[in-house]
């Protein structure tokens, strides 16, 4: 699932803007639906940093090191904080309170992107660095860039993410012990593919201030929807952020 304003750095695809600015700081808020039974929309408020240099980059909850790049391609060592988690003690459903906690984690891996006249194509392969879930994922994505006016740009995205069975069993599975305690049927899903679409708008107030709005829609896979602790078929996230560029 995509996180808070993950493509703010695409604002830098404008060469004129990139020439003037290379770091932005601000604040972002996100309203995200949870797939779990007994959980409502979750709101989070986080500081936002958008930075890109010859060697290092950071955007939202992602960052990394540029291993190689030229005018339209880059190959990176990427890091991403995956905030998705389950805290049974905070859940409204008594059965969910009997489950083990699912923790957030830090992902790392390799990412490649290329900018063409038709948009940006990218791919990344990430693994769970903290070994909380032993997750592994492979994501492929297309992003367009539409400059509607001097101040307003739209960035549509479409993509798909493959998750290994360990990721799905950690976040959506139900062990035999959990089944006995909670009454949920035991469930051990396999690997899956989640598809998503995202629409981001970037509004440039002036040379320093910009606002970013994002709507993200994830269509959950059959393996996730079939989990007894999940009661949704899709998840939507609405994010907004304000950035000041130096």
C-alpha atoms as a PDB file:
ATOM      1  CA  UNK A   1       0.000   0.000   0.000  1.00  0.00           C
ATOM      2  CA  UNK A   2       1.251   3.391  -0.856  1.00  0.00           C
ATOM      3  CA  UNK A   3       2.145   5.725   1.960  1.00  0.00           C
ATOM      4  CA  UNK A   4       1.782   9.420   2.743  1.00  0.00           C
ATOM      5  CA  UNK A   5       2.530  11.534  -0.346  1.00  0.00           C
ATOM      6  CA  UNK A   6       5.117   9.155  -1.787  1.00  0.00           C
ATOM      7  CA  UNK A   7       5.612  11.077  -5.027  1.00  0.00           C
ATOM      8  CA  UNK A   8       6.172  14.624  -3.845  1.00  0.00           C
ATOM      9  CA  UNK A   9       9.624  14.407  -5.446  1.00  0.00           C
ATOM     10  CA  UNK A  10       7.972  14.101  -8.878  1.00  0.00           C
ATOM     11  CA  UNK A  11       7.480  17.855  -8.555  1.00  0.00           C
ATOM     12  CA  UNK A  12      11.181  17.997  -9.379  1.00  0.00           C
ATOM     13  CA  UNK A  13      10.515  16.503 -12.806  1.00  0.00           C
ATOM     14  CA  UNK A  14      10.154  20.110 -13.887  1.00  0.00           C
ATOM     15  CA  UNK A  15      13.738  21.097 -14.768  1.00  0.00           C
ATOM     16  CA  UNK A  16      13.089  24.757 -13.983  1.00  0.00           C
ATOM     17  CA  UNK A  17      11.844  23.915 -10.512  1.00  0.00           C
ATOM     18  CA  UNK A  18      14.704  21.467  -9.896  1.00  0.00           C
ATOM     19  CA  UNK A  19      17.228  24.121 -10.827  1.00  0.00           C
ATOM     20  CA  UNK A  20      15.891  26.443  -8.130  1.00  0.00           C
ATOM     21  CA  UNK A  21      15.165  24.020  -5.282  1.00  0.00           C
ATOM     22  CA  UNK A  22      16.525  20.765  -3.917  1.00  0.00           C
ATOM     23  CA  UNK A  23      15.018  20.500  -0.440  1.00  0.00           C
ATOM     24  CA  UNK A  24      11.520  21.004   0.953  1.00  0.00           C
ATOM     25  CA  UNK A  25      10.186  20.638   4.483  1.00  0.00           C
ATOM     26  CA  UNK A  26       6.595  20.611   5.677  1.00  0.00           C
ATOM     27  CA  UNK A  27       3.778  18.681   7.256  1.00  0.00           C
ATOM     28  CA  UNK A  28       1.414  16.033   5.909  1.00  0.00           C
ATOM     29  CA  UNK A  29      -1.806  14.466   7.151  1.00  0.00           C
ATOM     30  CA  UNK A  30      -3.352  11.207   5.982  1.00  0.00           C
ATOM     31  CA  UNK A  31      -6.749   9.536   6.409  1.00  0.00           C
ATOM     32  CA  UNK A  32      -6.459   5.816   5.670  1.00  0.00           C
ATOM     33  CA  UNK A  33      -9.009   3.016   5.787  1.00  0.00           C
ATOM     34  CA  UNK A  34      -7.983  -0.193   7.545  1.00  0.00           C
ATOM     35  CA  UNK A  35      -8.773  -3.616   6.083  1.00  0.00           C
ATOM     36  CA  UNK A  36      -9.213  -5.138   9.533  1.00  0.00           C
ATOM     37  CA  UNK A  37     -12.461  -5.891  11.310  1.00  0.00           C
ATOM     38  CA  UNK A  38     -13.114  -3.474  14.166  1.00  0.00           C
ATOM     39  CA  UNK A  39     -10.891  -0.659  12.921  1.00  0.00           C
ATOM     40  CA  UNK A  40     -12.078   2.666  11.538  1.00  0.00           C
ATOM     41  CA  UNK A  41     -10.287   5.266   9.437  1.00  0.00           C
ATOM     42  CA  UNK A  42      -6.860   6.068  10.795  1.00  0.00           C
ATOM     43  CA  UNK A  43      -5.478   9.607  10.850  1.00  0.00           C
ATOM     44  CA  UNK A  44      -1.768  10.338  11.008  1.00  0.00           C
ATOM     45  CA  UNK A  45       0.172  13.594  11.030  1.00  0.00           C
ATOM     46  CA  UNK A  46       3.852  13.466  10.093  1.00  0.00           C
ATOM     47  CA  UNK A  47       6.664  15.842   9.175  1.00  0.00           C
ATOM     48  CA  UNK A  48       7.400  15.838   5.457  1.00  0.00           C
ATOM     49  CA  UNK A  49      10.825  16.168   3.846  1.00  0.00           C
ATOM     50  CA  UNK A  50      11.429  16.258   0.099  1.00  0.00           C
ATOM     51  CA  UNK A  51      15.126  16.212  -0.756  1.00  0.00           C
ATOM     52  CA  UNK A  52      17.054  15.132  -3.830  1.00  0.00           C
ATOM     53  CA  UNK A  53      20.780  15.493  -4.482  1.00  0.00           C
ATOM     54  CA  UNK A  54      23.417  13.765  -6.546  1.00  0.00           C
ATOM     55  CA  UNK A  55      23.770  10.990  -3.985  1.00  0.00           C
ATOM     56  CA  UNK A  56      20.875  11.063  -1.478  1.00  0.00           C
ATOM     57  CA  UNK A  57      17.101  11.465  -1.692  1.00  0.00           C
ATOM     58  CA  UNK A  58      14.113  11.500   0.661  1.00  0.00           C
ATOM     59  CA  UNK A  59      10.418  11.897  -0.048  1.00  0.00           C
ATOM     60  CA  UNK A  60       7.659  11.291   2.478  1.00  0.00           C
ATOM     61  CA  UNK A  61       8.419   8.040   4.312  1.00  0.00           C
ATOM     62  CA  UNK A  62      10.888   6.860   1.654  1.00  0.00           C
ATOM     63  CA  UNK A  63      14.530   7.627   0.986  1.00  0.00           C
ATOM     64  CA  UNK A  64      17.781   6.180  -0.200  1.00  0.00           C
ATOM     65  CA  UNK A  65      21.019   6.464  -2.132  1.00  0.00           C
ATOM     66  CA  UNK A  66      21.417   7.081  -5.848  1.00  0.00           C
ATOM     67  CA  UNK A  67      23.730   4.273  -6.994  1.00  0.00           C
ATOM     68  CA  UNK A  68      23.689   5.484 -10.614  1.00  0.00           C
ATOM     69  CA  UNK A  69      21.779   8.083 -12.615  1.00  0.00           C
ATOM     70  CA  UNK A  70      21.784  10.056 -15.834  1.00  0.00           C
ATOM     71  CA  UNK A  71      19.416  12.591 -17.408  1.00  0.00           C
ATOM     72  CA  UNK A  72      16.380  10.270 -17.480  1.00  0.00           C
ATOM     73  CA  UNK A  73      17.248   7.118 -15.515  1.00  0.00           C
ATOM     74  CA  UNK A  74      18.225   6.252 -11.973  1.00  0.00           C
ATOM     75  CA  UNK A  75      19.118   3.113 -10.035  1.00  0.00           C
ATOM     76  CA  UNK A  76      18.769   3.412  -6.260  1.00  0.00           C
ATOM     77  CA  UNK A  77      19.274   1.692  -2.955  1.00  0.00           C
ATOM     78  CA  UNK A  78      15.870   2.469  -1.416  1.00  0.00           C
ATOM     79  CA  UNK A  79      14.478   2.489   2.113  1.00  0.00           C
ATOM     80  CA  UNK A  80      10.797   2.785   3.013  1.00  0.00           C
ATOM     81  CA  UNK A  81       9.025   2.888   6.351  1.00  0.00           C
ATOM     82  CA  UNK A  82       5.934   0.650   6.167  1.00  0.00           C
ATOM     83  CA  UNK A  83       3.546   2.045   8.771  1.00  0.00           C
ATOM     84  CA  UNK A  84       0.869  -0.628   8.267  1.00  0.00           C
ATOM     85  CA  UNK A  85       0.237  -2.509  11.539  1.00  0.00           C
ATOM     86  CA  UNK A  86      -2.390  -4.097  13.789  1.00  0.00           C
ATOM     87  CA  UNK A  87      -2.673  -3.236  17.495  1.00  0.00           C
ATOM     88  CA  UNK A  88      -5.219  -5.696  18.947  1.00  0.00           C
ATOM     89  CA  UNK A  89      -5.535  -3.747  22.212  1.00  0.00           C
ATOM     90  CA  UNK A  90      -6.856  -0.716  20.285  1.00  0.00           C
ATOM     91  CA  UNK A  91      -9.377  -2.707  18.239  1.00  0.00           C
ATOM     92  CA  UNK A  92     -13.153  -2.415  18.885  1.00  0.00           C
ATOM     93  CA  UNK A  93     -13.851  -6.112  18.196  1.00  0.00           C
ATOM     94  CA  UNK A  94     -13.377  -8.483  21.151  1.00  0.00           C
ATOM     95  CA  UNK A  95     -12.207 -11.290  18.864  1.00  0.00           C
ATOM     96  CA  UNK A  96      -9.508  -9.123  17.307  1.00  0.00           C
ATOM     97  CA  UNK A  97      -8.146  -8.357  20.779  1.00  0.00           C
ATOM     98  CA  UNK A  98      -7.103 -12.032  21.021  1.00  0.00           C
ATOM     99  CA  UNK A  99      -4.714 -11.797  18.062  1.00  0.00           C
ATOM    100  CA  UNK A 100      -0.978 -11.185  18.118  1.00  0.00           C
ATOM    101  CA  UNK A 101       0.268  -7.731  17.214  1.00  0.00           C
ATOM    102  CA  UNK A 102       1.388  -7.066  13.630  1.00  0.00           C
ATOM    103  CA  UNK A 103       4.209  -4.496  13.668  1.00  0.00           C
ATOM    104  CA  UNK A 104       5.240  -1.769  11.270  1.00  0.00           C
ATOM    105  CA  UNK A 105       8.661  -2.269   9.729  1.00  0.00           C
ATOM    106  CA  UNK A 106      11.454  -0.844   7.589  1.00  0.00           C
ATOM    107  CA  UNK A 107      11.786  -2.081   4.023  1.00  0.00           C
ATOM    108  CA  UNK A 108      14.915  -1.847   1.880  1.00  0.00           C
ATOM    109  CA  UNK A 109      15.945  -2.925  -1.593  1.00  0.00           C
ATOM    110  CA  UNK A 110      16.677  -1.802  -5.139  1.00  0.00           C
ATOM    111  CA  UNK A 111      14.645   0.575  -7.309  1.00  0.00           C
ATOM    112  CA  UNK A 112      14.906   1.609 -10.950  1.00  0.00           C
ATOM    113  CA  UNK A 113      13.041   4.318 -12.856  1.00  0.00           C
ATOM    114  CA  UNK A 114      13.148   5.821 -16.319  1.00  0.00           C
ATOM    115  CA  UNK A 115      11.469   8.998 -17.578  1.00  0.00           C
ATOM    116  CA  UNK A 116      10.223   8.831 -21.161  1.00  0.00           C
ATOM    117  CA  UNK A 117       8.147  11.170 -23.355  1.00  0.00           C
ATOM    118  CA  UNK A 118       5.152   9.038 -22.313  1.00  0.00           C
ATOM    119  CA  UNK A 119       5.696   9.199 -18.543  1.00  0.00           C
ATOM    120  CA  UNK A 120       7.782   7.568 -15.842  1.00  0.00           C
ATOM    121  CA  UNK A 121       8.147   3.789 -15.537  1.00  0.00           C
ATOM    122  CA  UNK A 122       9.573   2.318 -12.345  1.00  0.00           C
ATOM    123  CA  UNK A 123      10.137  -0.949 -10.516  1.00  0.00           C
ATOM    124  CA  UNK A 124      11.413  -1.858  -7.074  1.00  0.00           C
ATOM    125  CA  UNK A 125      12.099  -4.980  -5.021  1.00  0.00           C
ATOM    126  CA  UNK A 126      12.007  -4.613  -1.236  1.00  0.00           C
ATOM    127  CA  UNK A 127      12.524  -6.886   1.781  1.00  0.00           C
ATOM    128  CA  UNK A 128      11.765  -6.501   5.489  1.00  0.00           C
ATOM    129  CA  UNK A 129      14.998  -5.140   6.964  1.00  0.00           C
ATOM    130  CA  UNK A 130      13.874  -5.498  10.603  1.00  0.00           C
ATOM    131  CA  UNK A 131      12.658  -9.085  10.040  1.00  0.00           C
ATOM    132  CA  UNK A 132       9.302  -8.357  11.680  1.00  0.00           C
ATOM    133  CA  UNK A 133       7.264  -9.955   8.921  1.00  0.00           C
ATOM    134  CA  UNK A 134       9.929 -11.400   6.567  1.00  0.00           C
ATOM    135  CA  UNK A 135       8.042  -9.567   3.820  1.00  0.00           C
ATOM    136  CA  UNK A 136       9.225  -9.402   0.250  1.00  0.00           C
ATOM    137  CA  UNK A 137       7.548  -7.302  -2.431  1.00  0.00           C
ATOM    138  CA  UNK A 138       8.024  -6.382  -6.081  1.00  0.00           C
ATOM    139  CA  UNK A 139       6.285  -3.262  -7.399  1.00  0.00           C
ATOM    140  CA  UNK A 140       5.889  -2.006 -10.978  1.00  0.00           C
ATOM    141  CA  UNK A 141       4.352   1.383 -11.722  1.00  0.00           C
ATOM    142  CA  UNK A 142       3.591   3.939 -14.394  1.00  0.00           C
ATOM    143  CA  UNK A 143       3.271   7.653 -13.565  1.00  0.00           C
ATOM    144  CA  UNK A 144       2.211  10.443 -15.892  1.00  0.00           C
ATOM    145  CA  UNK A 145       2.757  14.176 -15.492  1.00  0.00           C
ATOM    146  CA  UNK A 146       0.182  16.730 -16.647  1.00  0.00           C
ATOM    147  CA  UNK A 147       1.043  20.427 -16.325  1.00  0.00           C
ATOM    148  CA  UNK A 148      -2.408  22.026 -16.389  1.00  0.00           C
ATOM    149  CA  UNK A 149      -1.213  25.550 -15.639  1.00  0.00           C
ATOM    150  CA  UNK A 150       1.826  27.389 -14.375  1.00  0.00           C
ATOM    151  CA  UNK A 151       0.721  26.572 -10.828  1.00  0.00           C
ATOM    152  CA  UNK A 152      -1.145  23.254 -11.055  1.00  0.00           C
ATOM    153  CA  UNK A 153       0.132  19.808 -12.055  1.00  0.00           C
ATOM    154  CA  UNK A 154      -1.572  16.401 -11.948  1.00  0.00           C
ATOM    155  CA  UNK A 155       0.294  13.112 -11.535  1.00  0.00           C
ATOM    156  CA  UNK A 156      -1.771   9.968 -12.266  1.00  0.00           C
ATOM    157  CA  UNK A 157      -0.267   6.592 -11.317  1.00  0.00           C
ATOM    158  CA  UNK A 158      -1.189   2.974 -11.870  1.00  0.00           C
ATOM    159  CA  UNK A 159       0.675  -0.013 -10.529  1.00  0.00           C
ATOM    160  CA  UNK A 160       0.730  -3.496  -9.078  1.00  0.00           C
ATOM    161  CA  UNK A 161       2.588  -5.005  -6.116  1.00  0.00           C
ATOM    162  CA  UNK A 162       3.428  -8.668  -5.579  1.00  0.00           C
ATOM    163  CA  UNK A 163       3.721  -9.761  -1.925  1.00  0.00           C
ATOM    164  CA  UNK A 164       5.222 -13.057  -0.767  1.00  0.00           C
ATOM    165  CA  UNK A 165       3.272 -15.500   1.413  1.00  0.00           C
ATOM    166  CA  UNK A 166       5.199 -14.507   4.551  1.00  0.00           C
ATOM    167  CA  UNK A 167       3.951 -10.929   4.234  1.00  0.00           C
ATOM    168  CA  UNK A 168       0.349 -12.078   3.800  1.00  0.00           C
ATOM    169  CA  UNK A 169       0.503 -14.639   6.606  1.00  0.00           C
ATOM    170  CA  UNK A 170       1.985 -12.118   9.020  1.00  0.00           C
ATOM    171  CA  UNK A 171      -0.540  -9.330   8.344  1.00  0.00           C
ATOM    172  CA  UNK A 172      -3.638 -11.311   7.299  1.00  0.00           C
ATOM    173  CA  UNK A 173      -3.143 -14.881   8.490  1.00  0.00           C
ATOM    174  CA  UNK A 174      -4.651 -16.493  11.596  1.00  0.00           C
ATOM    175  CA  UNK A 175      -2.539 -19.091  13.407  1.00  0.00           C
ATOM    176  CA  UNK A 176      -4.004 -22.158  15.108  1.00  0.00           C
ATOM    177  CA  UNK A 177      -3.373 -20.624  18.539  1.00  0.00           C
ATOM    178  CA  UNK A 178      -5.043 -17.354  17.517  1.00  0.00           C
ATOM    179  CA  UNK A 179      -7.968 -19.312  16.098  1.00  0.00           C
ATOM    180  CA  UNK A 180      -8.495 -21.150  19.399  1.00  0.00           C
ATOM    181  CA  UNK A 181      -8.415 -17.917  21.396  1.00  0.00           C
ATOM    182  CA  UNK A 182     -10.480 -15.709  19.101  1.00  0.00           C
ATOM    183  CA  UNK A 183     -12.915 -18.021  17.339  1.00  0.00           C
ATOM    184  CA  UNK A 184     -11.679 -16.946  13.884  1.00  0.00           C
ATOM    185  CA  UNK A 185     -10.985 -19.775  11.473  1.00  0.00           C
ATOM    186  CA  UNK A 186      -7.284 -20.459  10.991  1.00  0.00           C
ATOM    187  CA  UNK A 187      -5.989 -19.017   7.737  1.00  0.00           C
ATOM    188  CA  UNK A 188      -2.636 -19.244   5.955  1.00  0.00           C
ATOM    189  CA  UNK A 189      -2.722 -17.303   2.654  1.00  0.00           C
ATOM    190  CA  UNK A 190      -0.215 -17.593  -0.179  1.00  0.00           C
ATOM    191  CA  UNK A 191       1.443 -14.849  -2.207  1.00  0.00           C
ATOM    192  CA  UNK A 192      -0.708 -12.220  -3.925  1.00  0.00           C
ATOM    193  CA  UNK A 193      -0.846  -9.227  -6.262  1.00  0.00           C
ATOM    194  CA  UNK A 194      -2.450  -5.936  -5.210  1.00  0.00           C
ATOM    195  CA  UNK A 195      -3.303  -3.330  -7.852  1.00  0.00           C
ATOM    196  CA  UNK A 196      -3.662   0.383  -7.204  1.00  0.00           C
ATOM    197  CA  UNK A 197      -4.337   3.739  -8.805  1.00  0.00           C
ATOM    198  CA  UNK A 198      -3.279   7.105  -7.430  1.00  0.00           C
ATOM    199  CA  UNK A 199      -4.035  10.682  -8.386  1.00  0.00           C
ATOM    200  CA  UNK A 200      -1.822  13.430  -7.014  1.00  0.00           C
ATOM    201  CA  UNK A 201      -2.203  17.160  -7.536  1.00  0.00           C
ATOM    202  CA  UNK A 202       0.583  19.635  -6.854  1.00  0.00           C
ATOM    203  CA  UNK A 203      -0.273  23.320  -6.505  1.00  0.00           C
ATOM    204  CA  UNK A 204       2.593  25.805  -6.500  1.00  0.00           C
ATOM    205  CA  UNK A 205       1.579  28.962  -4.631  1.00  0.00           C
ATOM    206  CA  UNK A 206       4.875  30.716  -5.355  1.00  0.00           C
ATOM    207  CA  UNK A 207       8.596  29.953  -5.682  1.00  0.00           C
ATOM    208  CA  UNK A 208       8.760  28.611  -2.134  1.00  0.00           C
ATOM    209  CA  UNK A 209       5.379  27.156  -1.089  1.00  0.00           C
ATOM    210  CA  UNK A 210       3.620  24.153  -2.629  1.00  0.00           C
ATOM    211  CA  UNK A 211       0.665  21.983  -1.582  1.00  0.00           C
ATOM    212  CA  UNK A 212       0.314  18.296  -2.441  1.00  0.00           C
ATOM    213  CA  UNK A 213      -2.979  16.364  -2.398  1.00  0.00           C
ATOM    214  CA  UNK A 214      -3.207  12.640  -3.055  1.00  0.00           C
ATOM    215  CA  UNK A 215      -5.964  10.051  -3.391  1.00  0.00           C
ATOM    216  CA  UNK A 216      -4.845   6.416  -3.372  1.00  0.00           C
ATOM    217  CA  UNK A 217      -7.095   3.421  -4.139  1.00  0.00           C
ATOM    218  CA  UNK A 218      -5.927  -0.153  -3.505  1.00  0.00           C
ATOM    219  CA  UNK A 219      -7.889  -3.156  -4.775  1.00  0.00           C
ATOM    220  CA  UNK A 220      -7.185  -5.967  -2.329  1.00  0.00           C
ATOM    221  CA  UNK A 221      -6.234  -9.384  -3.686  1.00  0.00           C
ATOM    222  CA  UNK A 222      -8.332 -12.529  -3.265  1.00  0.00           C
ATOM    223  CA  UNK A 223      -5.842 -13.843  -0.696  1.00  0.00           C
ATOM    224  CA  UNK A 224      -6.300 -10.755   1.478  1.00  0.00           C
ATOM    225  CA  UNK A 225     -10.086 -10.445   1.035  1.00  0.00           C
ATOM    226  CA  UNK A 226     -10.508 -14.099   2.034  1.00  0.00           C
ATOM    227  CA  UNK A 227      -8.898 -13.548   5.434  1.00  0.00           C
ATOM    228  CA  UNK A 228     -11.387 -13.923   8.321  1.00  0.00           C
ATOM    229  CA  UNK A 229      -9.953 -10.804   9.989  1.00  0.00           C
ATOM    230  CA  UNK A 230     -10.512  -8.602   6.908  1.00  0.00           C
ATOM    231  CA  UNK A 231     -13.882  -7.036   6.046  1.00  0.00           C
ATOM    232  CA  UNK A 232     -13.010  -4.879   3.031  1.00  0.00           C
ATOM    233  CA  UNK A 233     -12.381  -5.450  -0.669  1.00  0.00           C
ATOM    234  CA  UNK A 234     -10.514  -2.168  -1.206  1.00  0.00           C
ATOM    235  CA  UNK A 235      -8.743   0.546   0.754  1.00  0.00           C
ATOM    236  CA  UNK A 236      -8.692   4.295   0.092  1.00  0.00           C
ATOM    237  CA  UNK A 237      -6.248   6.845   1.466  1.00  0.00           C
ATOM    238  CA  UNK A 238      -6.535  10.630   1.296  1.00  0.00           C
ATOM    239  CA  UNK A 239      -3.432  12.692   2.003  1.00  0.00           C
ATOM    240  CA  UNK A 240      -2.568  16.392   2.049  1.00  0.00           C
ATOM    241  CA  UNK A 241       0.699  18.150   2.644  1.00  0.00           C
ATOM    242  CA  UNK A 242       2.249  21.609   2.645  1.00  0.00           C
ATOM    243  CA  UNK A 243       5.902  22.075   1.640  1.00  0.00           C
ATOM    244  CA  UNK A 244       8.336  24.968   1.845  1.00  0.00           C
ATOM    245  CA  UNK A 245      11.231  24.712  -0.629  1.00  0.00           C
ATOM    246  CA  UNK A 246      14.639  26.318  -0.073  1.00  0.00           C
END
